[in-house]
Amino acid sequence: MTNATGRPIAPLILSSDERAYLERQVRRHRAARSSSERCRVILRCADGIPSKIVASELGLHEHTVGKVLVQTVEAGQDRRPRRRKSP
């Protein structure tokens, strides 16, 4: 989209190992839904799809997609979704 407005975000580039891991997590039957959704967001954004379109396709809020992207870019080399601590 050439007319997209908003804050630019760093491009998300995945290695083949990272992409394979995320794709496996999406296909897992026993994966938590939130983890699977984060993996889908990362994969779609790595393909160059704008976050607004990713949000509408996955039925998520735009801010949720943005939050996942910021966390992923900040994580640097470890692109796997963060796990929550057990209470």
PDB file of N, CA and C in Angstrom:
ATOM      1  N   MET A   1       0.847  -1.177   0.000  1.00  0.00           N
ATOM      2  CA  MET A   1       0.000   0.000   0.000  1.00  0.00           C
ATOM      3  C   MET A   1       0.889   1.235   0.000  1.00  0.00           C
ATOM      4  N   THR A   2       0.793   2.020  -1.012  1.00  0.00           N
ATOM      5  CA  THR A   2       1.627   3.208  -1.098  1.00  0.00           C
ATOM      6  C   THR A   2       1.050   4.376  -0.313  1.00  0.00           C
ATOM      7  N   ASN A   3      -0.245   4.393  -0.081  1.00  0.00           N
ATOM      8  CA  ASN A   3      -0.872   5.502   0.628  1.00  0.00           C
ATOM      9  C   ASN A   3      -1.076   5.211   2.108  1.00  0.00           C
ATOM     10  N   ALA A   4      -0.433   4.195   2.623  1.00  0.00           N
ATOM     11  CA  ALA A   4      -0.606   3.831   4.027  1.00  0.00           C
ATOM     12  C   ALA A   4      -0.039   4.923   4.921  1.00  0.00           C
ATOM     13  N   THR A   5      -0.771   5.222   5.965  1.00  0.00           N
ATOM     14  CA  THR A   5      -0.298   6.203   6.930  1.00  0.00           C
ATOM     15  C   THR A   5      -0.001   5.501   8.231  1.00  0.00           C
ATOM     16  N   GLY A   6       0.666   6.196   9.089  1.00  0.00           N
ATOM     17  CA  GLY A   6       0.973   5.615  10.389  1.00  0.00           C
ATOM     18  C   GLY A   6       2.461   5.490  10.579  1.00  0.00           C
ATOM     19  N   ARG A   7       2.793   5.022  11.731  1.00  0.00           N
ATOM     20  CA  ARG A   7       4.188   4.885  12.102  1.00  0.00           C
ATOM     21  C   ARG A   7       4.824   3.725  11.351  1.00  0.00           C
ATOM     22  N   PRO A   8       5.966   3.949  10.723  1.00  0.00           N
ATOM     23  CA  PRO A   8       6.622   2.833  10.025  1.00  0.00           C
ATOM     24  C   PRO A   8       7.186   1.840  11.039  1.00  0.00           C
ATOM     25  N   ILE A   9       7.150   0.587  10.684  1.00  0.00           N
ATOM     26  CA  ILE A   9       7.673  -0.455  11.560  1.00  0.00           C
ATOM     27  C   ILE A   9       8.820  -1.159  10.837  1.00  0.00           C
ATOM     28  N   ALA A  10       9.759  -1.622  11.605  1.00  0.00           N
ATOM     29  CA  ALA A  10      10.911  -2.310  11.016  1.00  0.00           C
ATOM     30  C   ALA A  10      10.439  -3.550  10.259  1.00  0.00           C
ATOM     31  N   PRO A  11      11.044  -3.834   9.113  1.00  0.00           N
ATOM     32  CA  PRO A  11      10.641  -5.031   8.364  1.00  0.00           C
ATOM     33  C   PRO A  11      10.918  -6.287   9.183  1.00  0.00           C
ATOM     34  N   LEU A  12      10.041  -7.223   9.047  1.00  0.00           N
ATOM     35  CA  LEU A  12      10.143  -8.469   9.796  1.00  0.00           C
ATOM     36  C   LEU A  12      10.692  -9.539   8.856  1.00  0.00           C
ATOM     37  N   ILE A  13      11.918  -9.959   9.098  1.00  0.00           N
ATOM     38  CA  ILE A  13      12.564 -10.952   8.253  1.00  0.00           C
ATOM     39  C   ILE A  13      12.800 -12.205   9.084  1.00  0.00           C
ATOM     40  N   LEU A  14      12.276 -13.316   8.601  1.00  0.00           N
ATOM     41  CA  LEU A  14      12.388 -14.585   9.318  1.00  0.00           C
ATOM     42  C   LEU A  14      13.388 -15.504   8.618  1.00  0.00           C
ATOM     43  N   SER A  15      14.147 -16.220   9.411  1.00  0.00           N
ATOM     44  CA  SER A  15      15.012 -17.247   8.824  1.00  0.00           C
ATOM     45  C   SER A  15      14.136 -18.448   8.473  1.00  0.00           C
ATOM     46  N   SER A  16      14.677 -19.373   7.722  1.00  0.00           N
ATOM     47  CA  SER A  16      13.892 -20.555   7.347  1.00  0.00           C
ATOM     48  C   SER A  16      13.550 -21.386   8.578  1.00  0.00           C
ATOM     49  N   ASP A  17      14.442 -21.430   9.565  1.00  0.00           N
ATOM     50  CA  ASP A  17      14.159 -22.171  10.802  1.00  0.00           C
ATOM     51  C   ASP A  17      13.031 -21.517  11.597  1.00  0.00           C
ATOM     52  N   GLU A  18      13.069 -20.182  11.689  1.00  0.00           N
ATOM     53  CA  GLU A  18      12.023 -19.471  12.417  1.00  0.00           C
ATOM     54  C   GLU A  18      10.675 -19.651  11.737  1.00  0.00           C
ATOM     55  N   ARG A  19      10.665 -19.533  10.410  1.00  0.00           N
ATOM     56  CA  ARG A  19       9.413 -19.703   9.666  1.00  0.00           C
ATOM     57  C   ARG A  19       8.870 -21.124   9.842  1.00  0.00           C
ATOM     58  N   ALA A  20       9.742 -22.114   9.786  1.00  0.00           N
ATOM     59  CA  ALA A  20       9.308 -23.505   9.954  1.00  0.00           C
ATOM     60  C   ALA A  20       8.721 -23.719  11.344  1.00  0.00           C
ATOM     61  N   TYR A  21       9.373 -23.140  12.372  1.00  0.00           N
ATOM     62  CA  TYR A  21       8.862 -23.267  13.739  1.00  0.00           C
ATOM     63  C   TYR A  21       7.470 -22.653  13.853  1.00  0.00           C
ATOM     64  N   LEU A  22       7.297 -21.436  13.333  1.00  0.00           N
ATOM     65  CA  LEU A  22       6.004 -20.755  13.425  1.00  0.00           C
ATOM     66  C   LEU A  22       4.920 -21.515  12.662  1.00  0.00           C
ATOM     67  N   GLU A  23       5.262 -22.049  11.505  1.00  0.00           N
ATOM     68  CA  GLU A  23       4.279 -22.815  10.733  1.00  0.00           C
ATOM     69  C   GLU A  23       3.872 -24.091  11.471  1.00  0.00           C
ATOM     70  N   ARG A  24       4.829 -24.726  12.136  1.00  0.00           N
ATOM     71  CA  ARG A  24       4.497 -25.922  12.937  1.00  0.00           C
ATOM     72  C   ARG A  24       3.552 -25.557  14.081  1.00  0.00           C
ATOM     73  N   GLN A  25       3.799 -24.417  14.714  1.00  0.00           N
ATOM     74  CA  GLN A  25       2.950 -24.000  15.828  1.00  0.00           C
ATOM     75  C   GLN A  25       1.528 -23.707  15.373  1.00  0.00           C
ATOM     76  N   VAL A  26       1.384 -23.165  14.178  1.00  0.00           N
ATOM     77  CA  VAL A  26       0.048 -22.872  13.646  1.00  0.00           C
ATOM     78  C   VAL A  26      -0.713 -24.164  13.371  1.00  0.00           C
ATOM     79  N   ARG A  27      -0.011 -25.191  12.907  1.00  0.00           N
ATOM     80  CA  ARG A  27      -0.665 -26.459  12.553  1.00  0.00           C
ATOM     81  C   ARG A  27      -0.932 -27.367  13.745  1.00  0.00           C
ATOM     82  N   ARG A  28      -0.287 -27.109  14.880  1.00  0.00           N
ATOM     83  CA  ARG A  28      -0.461 -27.985  16.047  1.00  0.00           C
ATOM     84  C   ARG A  28      -1.901 -27.962  16.530  1.00  0.00           C
ATOM     85  N   HIS A  29      -2.418 -29.128  16.862  1.00  0.00           N
ATOM     86  CA  HIS A  29      -3.793 -29.223  17.352  1.00  0.00           C
ATOM     87  C   HIS A  29      -3.890 -28.870  18.828  1.00  0.00           C
ATOM     88  N   ARG A  30      -2.816 -29.077  19.559  1.00  0.00           N
ATOM     89  CA  ARG A  30      -2.860 -28.827  20.994  1.00  0.00           C
ATOM     90  C   ARG A  30      -2.243 -27.500  21.400  1.00  0.00           C
ATOM     91  N   ALA A  31      -1.910 -26.674  20.454  1.00  0.00           N
ATOM     92  CA  ALA A  31      -1.330 -25.361  20.766  1.00  0.00           C
ATOM     93  C   ALA A  31      -2.427 -24.444  21.308  1.00  0.00           C
ATOM     94  N   ALA A  32      -2.055 -23.578  22.218  1.00  0.00           N
ATOM     95  CA  ALA A  32      -3.007 -22.602  22.740  1.00  0.00           C
ATOM     96  C   ALA A  32      -3.437 -21.668  21.616  1.00  0.00           C
ATOM     97  N   ARG A  33      -4.674 -21.265  21.660  1.00  0.00           N
ATOM     98  CA  ARG A  33      -5.197 -20.413  20.585  1.00  0.00           C
ATOM     99  C   ARG A  33      -4.426 -19.094  20.495  1.00  0.00           C
ATOM    100  N   SER A  34      -4.104 -18.498  21.632  1.00  0.00           N
ATOM    101  CA  SER A  34      -3.393 -17.222  21.616  1.00  0.00           C
ATOM    102  C   SER A  34      -2.012 -17.373  20.991  1.00  0.00           C
ATOM    103  N   SER A  35      -1.337 -18.457  21.283  1.00  0.00           N
ATOM    104  CA  SER A  35      -0.018 -18.706  20.701  1.00  0.00           C
ATOM    105  C   SER A  35      -0.129 -18.909  19.200  1.00  0.00           C
ATOM    106  N   SER A  36      -1.126 -19.651  18.789  1.00  0.00           N
ATOM    107  CA  SER A  36      -1.345 -19.903  17.371  1.00  0.00           C
ATOM    108  C   SER A  36      -1.663 -18.604  16.626  1.00  0.00           C
ATOM    109  N   GLU A  37      -2.470 -17.738  17.242  1.00  0.00           N
ATOM    110  CA  GLU A  37      -2.801 -16.464  16.610  1.00  0.00           C
ATOM    111  C   GLU A  37      -1.576 -15.574  16.480  1.00  0.00           C
ATOM    112  N   ARG A  38      -0.727 -15.541  17.507  1.00  0.00           N
ATOM    113  CA  ARG A  38       0.498 -14.747  17.425  1.00  0.00           C
ATOM    114  C   ARG A  38       1.392 -15.247  16.302  1.00  0.00           C
ATOM    115  N   CYS A  39       1.487 -16.561  16.162  1.00  0.00           N
ATOM    116  CA  CYS A  39       2.301 -17.127  15.080  1.00  0.00           C
ATOM    117  C   CYS A  39       1.736 -16.752  13.722  1.00  0.00           C
ATOM    118  N   ARG A  40       0.413 -16.789  13.579  1.00  0.00           N
ATOM    119  CA  ARG A  40      -0.212 -16.396  12.311  1.00  0.00           C
ATOM    120  C   ARG A  40       0.073 -14.933  11.988  1.00  0.00           C
ATOM    121  N   VAL A  41      -0.017 -14.073  13.004  1.00  0.00           N
ATOM    122  CA  VAL A  41       0.251 -12.644  12.804  1.00  0.00           C
ATOM    123  C   VAL A  41       1.684 -12.446  12.322  1.00  0.00           C
ATOM    124  N   ILE A  42       2.625 -13.092  12.981  1.00  0.00           N
ATOM    125  CA  ILE A  42       4.037 -12.933  12.617  1.00  0.00           C
ATOM    126  C   ILE A  42       4.277 -13.412  11.193  1.00  0.00           C
ATOM    127  N   LEU A  43       3.716 -14.554  10.838  1.00  0.00           N
ATOM    128  CA  LEU A  43       3.911 -15.095   9.491  1.00  0.00           C
ATOM    129  C   LEU A  43       3.313 -14.178   8.423  1.00  0.00           C
ATOM    130  N   ARG A  44       2.098 -13.680   8.669  1.00  0.00           N
ATOM    131  CA  ARG A  44       1.445 -12.819   7.670  1.00  0.00           C
ATOM    132  C   ARG A  44       2.201 -11.503   7.503  1.00  0.00           C
ATOM    133  N   CYS A  45       2.659 -10.932   8.612  1.00  0.00           N
ATOM    134  CA  CYS A  45       3.399  -9.660   8.531  1.00  0.00           C
ATOM    135  C   CYS A  45       4.772  -9.866   7.904  1.00  0.00           C
ATOM    136  N   ALA A  46       5.376 -11.023   8.117  1.00  0.00           N
ATOM    137  CA  ALA A  46       6.670 -11.313   7.490  1.00  0.00           C
ATOM    138  C   ALA A  46       6.512 -11.445   5.977  1.00  0.00           C
ATOM    139  N   ASP A  47       5.308 -11.781   5.522  1.00  0.00           N
ATOM    140  CA  ASP A  47       5.042 -11.862   4.088  1.00  0.00           C
ATOM    141  C   ASP A  47       4.823 -10.489   3.464  1.00  0.00           C
ATOM    142  N   GLY A  48       4.840  -9.436   4.294  1.00  0.00           N
ATOM    143  CA  GLY A  48       4.705  -8.082   3.778  1.00  0.00           C
ATOM    144  C   GLY A  48       3.290  -7.546   3.761  1.00  0.00           C
ATOM    145  N   ILE A  49       2.382  -8.219   4.409  1.00  0.00           N
ATOM    146  CA  ILE A  49       0.992  -7.772   4.442  1.00  0.00           C
ATOM    147  C   ILE A  49       0.846  -6.721   5.542  1.00  0.00           C
ATOM    148  N   PRO A  50       0.206  -5.579   5.248  1.00  0.00           N
ATOM    149  CA  PRO A  50       0.034  -4.526   6.257  1.00  0.00           C
ATOM    150  C   PRO A  50      -0.768  -5.022   7.464  1.00  0.00           C
ATOM    151  N   SER A  51      -0.475  -4.448   8.613  1.00  0.00           N
ATOM    152  CA  SER A  51      -1.085  -4.915   9.857  1.00  0.00           C
ATOM    153  C   SER A  51      -2.608  -4.745   9.877  1.00  0.00           C
ATOM    154  N   LYS A  52      -3.125  -3.709   9.241  1.00  0.00           N
ATOM    155  CA  LYS A  52      -4.585  -3.529   9.214  1.00  0.00           C
ATOM    156  C   LYS A  52      -5.261  -4.668   8.469  1.00  0.00           C
ATOM    157  N   ILE A  53      -4.660  -5.098   7.383  1.00  0.00           N
ATOM    158  CA  ILE A  53      -5.228  -6.199   6.603  1.00  0.00           C
ATOM    159  C   ILE A  53      -5.104  -7.507   7.381  1.00  0.00           C
ATOM    160  N   VAL A  54      -3.963  -7.716   8.028  1.00  0.00           N
ATOM    161  CA  VAL A  54      -3.771  -8.921   8.854  1.00  0.00           C
ATOM    162  C   VAL A  54      -4.833  -8.960   9.946  1.00  0.00           C
ATOM    163  N   ALA A  55      -5.073  -7.827  10.588  1.00  0.00           N
ATOM    164  CA  ALA A  55      -6.071  -7.769  11.656  1.00  0.00           C
ATOM    165  C   ALA A  55      -7.457  -8.143  11.144  1.00  0.00           C
ATOM    166  N   SER A  56      -7.839  -7.593  10.003  1.00  0.00           N
ATOM    167  CA  SER A  56      -9.170  -7.893   9.471  1.00  0.00           C
ATOM    168  C   SER A  56      -9.283  -9.347   9.013  1.00  0.00           C
ATOM    169  N   GLU A  57      -8.223  -9.896   8.430  1.00  0.00           N
ATOM    170  CA  GLU A  57      -8.263 -11.286   7.976  1.00  0.00           C
ATOM    171  C   GLU A  57      -8.347 -12.273   9.136  1.00  0.00           C
ATOM    172  N   LEU A  58      -7.660 -11.967  10.233  1.00  0.00           N
ATOM    173  CA  LEU A  58      -7.627 -12.884  11.371  1.00  0.00           C
ATOM    174  C   LEU A  58      -8.685 -12.574  12.423  1.00  0.00           C
ATOM    175  N   GLY A  59      -9.442 -11.498  12.227  1.00  0.00           N
ATOM    176  CA  GLY A  59     -10.488 -11.144  13.173  1.00  0.00           C
ATOM    177  C   GLY A  59      -9.943 -10.603  14.488  1.00  0.00           C
ATOM    178  N   LEU A  60      -8.823  -9.897  14.406  1.00  0.00           N
ATOM    179  CA  LEU A  60      -8.204  -9.309  15.588  1.00  0.00           C
ATOM    180  C   LEU A  60      -8.281  -7.794  15.508  1.00  0.00           C
ATOM    181  N   HIS A  61      -8.059  -7.149  16.626  1.00  0.00           N
ATOM    182  CA  HIS A  61      -7.999  -5.692  16.635  1.00  0.00           C
ATOM    183  C   HIS A  61      -6.640  -5.256  16.110  1.00  0.00           C
ATOM    184  N   GLU A  62      -6.599  -4.100  15.453  1.00  0.00           N
ATOM    185  CA  GLU A  62      -5.341  -3.591  14.888  1.00  0.00           C
ATOM    186  C   GLU A  62      -4.273  -3.409  15.956  1.00  0.00           C
ATOM    187  N   HIS A  63      -4.689  -3.005  17.147  1.00  0.00           N
ATOM    188  CA  HIS A  63      -3.721  -2.797  18.227  1.00  0.00           C
ATOM    189  C   HIS A  63      -3.098  -4.113  18.677  1.00  0.00           C
ATOM    190  N   THR A  64      -3.856  -5.185  18.612  1.00  0.00           N
ATOM    191  CA  THR A  64      -3.325  -6.496  18.979  1.00  0.00           C
ATOM    192  C   THR A  64      -2.224  -6.896  18.011  1.00  0.00           C
ATOM    193  N   VAL A  65      -2.452  -6.692  16.731  1.00  0.00           N
ATOM    194  CA  VAL A  65      -1.445  -7.010  15.715  1.00  0.00           C
ATOM    195  C   VAL A  65      -0.202  -6.151  15.933  1.00  0.00           C
ATOM    196  N   GLY A  66      -0.402  -4.874  16.192  1.00  0.00           N
ATOM    197  CA  GLY A  66       0.722  -3.983  16.444  1.00  0.00           C
ATOM    198  C   GLY A  66       1.521  -4.392  17.667  1.00  0.00           C
ATOM    199  N   LYS A  67       0.829  -4.809  18.710  1.00  0.00           N
ATOM    200  CA  LYS A  67       1.494  -5.242  19.944  1.00  0.00           C
ATOM    201  C   LYS A  67       2.342  -6.481  19.688  1.00  0.00           C
ATOM    202  N   VAL A  68       1.808  -7.424  18.942  1.00  0.00           N
ATOM    203  CA  VAL A  68       2.558  -8.643  18.613  1.00  0.00           C
ATOM    204  C   VAL A  68       3.798  -8.289  17.808  1.00  0.00           C
ATOM    205  N   LEU A  69       3.655  -7.384  16.847  1.00  0.00           N
ATOM    206  CA  LEU A  69       4.795  -6.990  16.013  1.00  0.00           C
ATOM    207  C   LEU A  69       5.875  -6.285  16.833  1.00  0.00           C
ATOM    208  N   VAL A  70       5.472  -5.379  17.706  1.00  0.00           N
ATOM    209  CA  VAL A  70       6.448  -4.663  18.530  1.00  0.00           C
ATOM    210  C   VAL A  70       7.199  -5.647  19.420  1.00  0.00           C
ATOM    211  N   GLN A  71       6.474  -6.573  20.046  1.00  0.00           N
ATOM    212  CA  GLN A  71       7.112  -7.567  20.908  1.00  0.00           C
ATOM    213  C   GLN A  71       8.063  -8.445  20.111  1.00  0.00           C
ATOM    214  N   THR A  72       7.690  -8.777  18.895  1.00  0.00           N
ATOM    215  CA  THR A  72       8.512  -9.639  18.061  1.00  0.00           C
ATOM    216  C   THR A  72       9.783  -8.924  17.626  1.00  0.00           C
ATOM    217  N   VAL A  73       9.651  -7.680  17.193  1.00  0.00           N
ATOM    218  CA  VAL A  73      10.820  -6.922  16.758  1.00  0.00           C
ATOM    219  C   VAL A  73      11.752  -6.655  17.941  1.00  0.00           C
ATOM    220  N   GLU A  74      11.187  -6.343  19.104  1.00  0.00           N
ATOM    221  CA  GLU A  74      12.004  -6.100  20.295  1.00  0.00           C
ATOM    222  C   GLU A  74      12.726  -7.360  20.756  1.00  0.00           C
ATOM    223  N   ALA A  75      12.126  -8.517  20.491  1.00  0.00           N
ATOM    224  CA  ALA A  75      12.729  -9.773  20.933  1.00  0.00           C
ATOM    225  C   ALA A  75      14.002 -10.099  20.157  1.00  0.00           C
ATOM    226  N   GLY A  76      14.170  -9.466  18.989  1.00  0.00           N
ATOM    227  CA  GLY A  76      15.384  -9.669  18.209  1.00  0.00           C
ATOM    228  C   GLY A  76      15.466 -11.067  17.623  1.00  0.00           C
ATOM    229  N   GLN A  77      16.500 -11.791  17.978  1.00  0.00           N
ATOM    230  CA  GLN A  77      16.725 -13.108  17.396  1.00  0.00           C
ATOM    231  C   GLN A  77      15.700 -14.131  17.859  1.00  0.00           C
ATOM    232  N   ASP A  78      15.195 -13.987  19.061  1.00  0.00           N
ATOM    233  CA  ASP A  78      14.221 -14.955  19.574  1.00  0.00           C
ATOM    234  C   ASP A  78      12.830 -14.516  19.154  1.00  0.00           C
ATOM    235  N   ARG A  79      12.363 -14.969  18.016  1.00  0.00           N
ATOM    236  CA  ARG A  79      11.081 -14.528  17.465  1.00  0.00           C
ATOM    237  C   ARG A  79       9.918 -15.380  17.922  1.00  0.00           C
ATOM    238  N   ARG A  80      10.199 -16.370  18.722  1.00  0.00           N
ATOM    239  CA  ARG A  80       9.113 -17.217  19.176  1.00  0.00           C
ATOM    240  C   ARG A  80       8.235 -16.430  20.135  1.00  0.00           C
ATOM    241  N   PRO A  81       6.936 -16.663  20.091  1.00  0.00           N
ATOM    242  CA  PRO A  81       6.039 -15.916  20.989  1.00  0.00           C
ATOM    243  C   PRO A  81       6.421 -16.145  22.448  1.00  0.00           C
ATOM    244  N   ARG A  82       6.275 -15.093  23.229  1.00  0.00           N
ATOM    245  CA  ARG A  82       6.608 -15.190  24.646  1.00  0.00           C
ATOM    246  C   ARG A  82       5.580 -16.041  25.371  1.00  0.00           C
ATOM    247  N   ARG A  83       6.050 -16.780  26.363  1.00  0.00           N
ATOM    248  CA  ARG A  83       5.151 -17.599  27.168  1.00  0.00           C
ATOM    249  C   ARG A  83       4.829 -16.836  28.435  1.00  0.00           C
ATOM    250  N   ARG A  84       3.599 -16.972  28.860  1.00  0.00           N
ATOM    251  CA  ARG A  84       3.214 -16.323  30.104  1.00  0.00           C
ATOM    252  C   ARG A  84       3.720 -17.129  31.280  1.00  0.00           C
ATOM    253  N   LYS A  85       4.012 -16.439  32.355  1.00  0.00           N
ATOM    254  CA  LYS A  85       4.437 -17.123  33.566  1.00  0.00           C
ATOM    255  C   LYS A  85       3.230 -17.739  34.234  1.00  0.00           C
ATOM    256  N   SER A  86       3.413 -18.888  34.818  1.00  0.00           N
ATOM    257  CA  SER A  86       2.335 -19.543  35.545  1.00  0.00           C
ATOM    258  C   SER A  86       2.113 -18.815  36.870  1.00  0.00           C
ATOM    259  N   PRO A  87       0.867 -18.703  37.316  1.00  0.00           N
ATOM    260  CA  PRO A  87       0.605 -18.010  38.588  1.00  0.00           C
ATOM    261  C   PRO A  87       1.113 -18.780  39.779  1.00  0.00           C
TER     262      PRO A  87
END
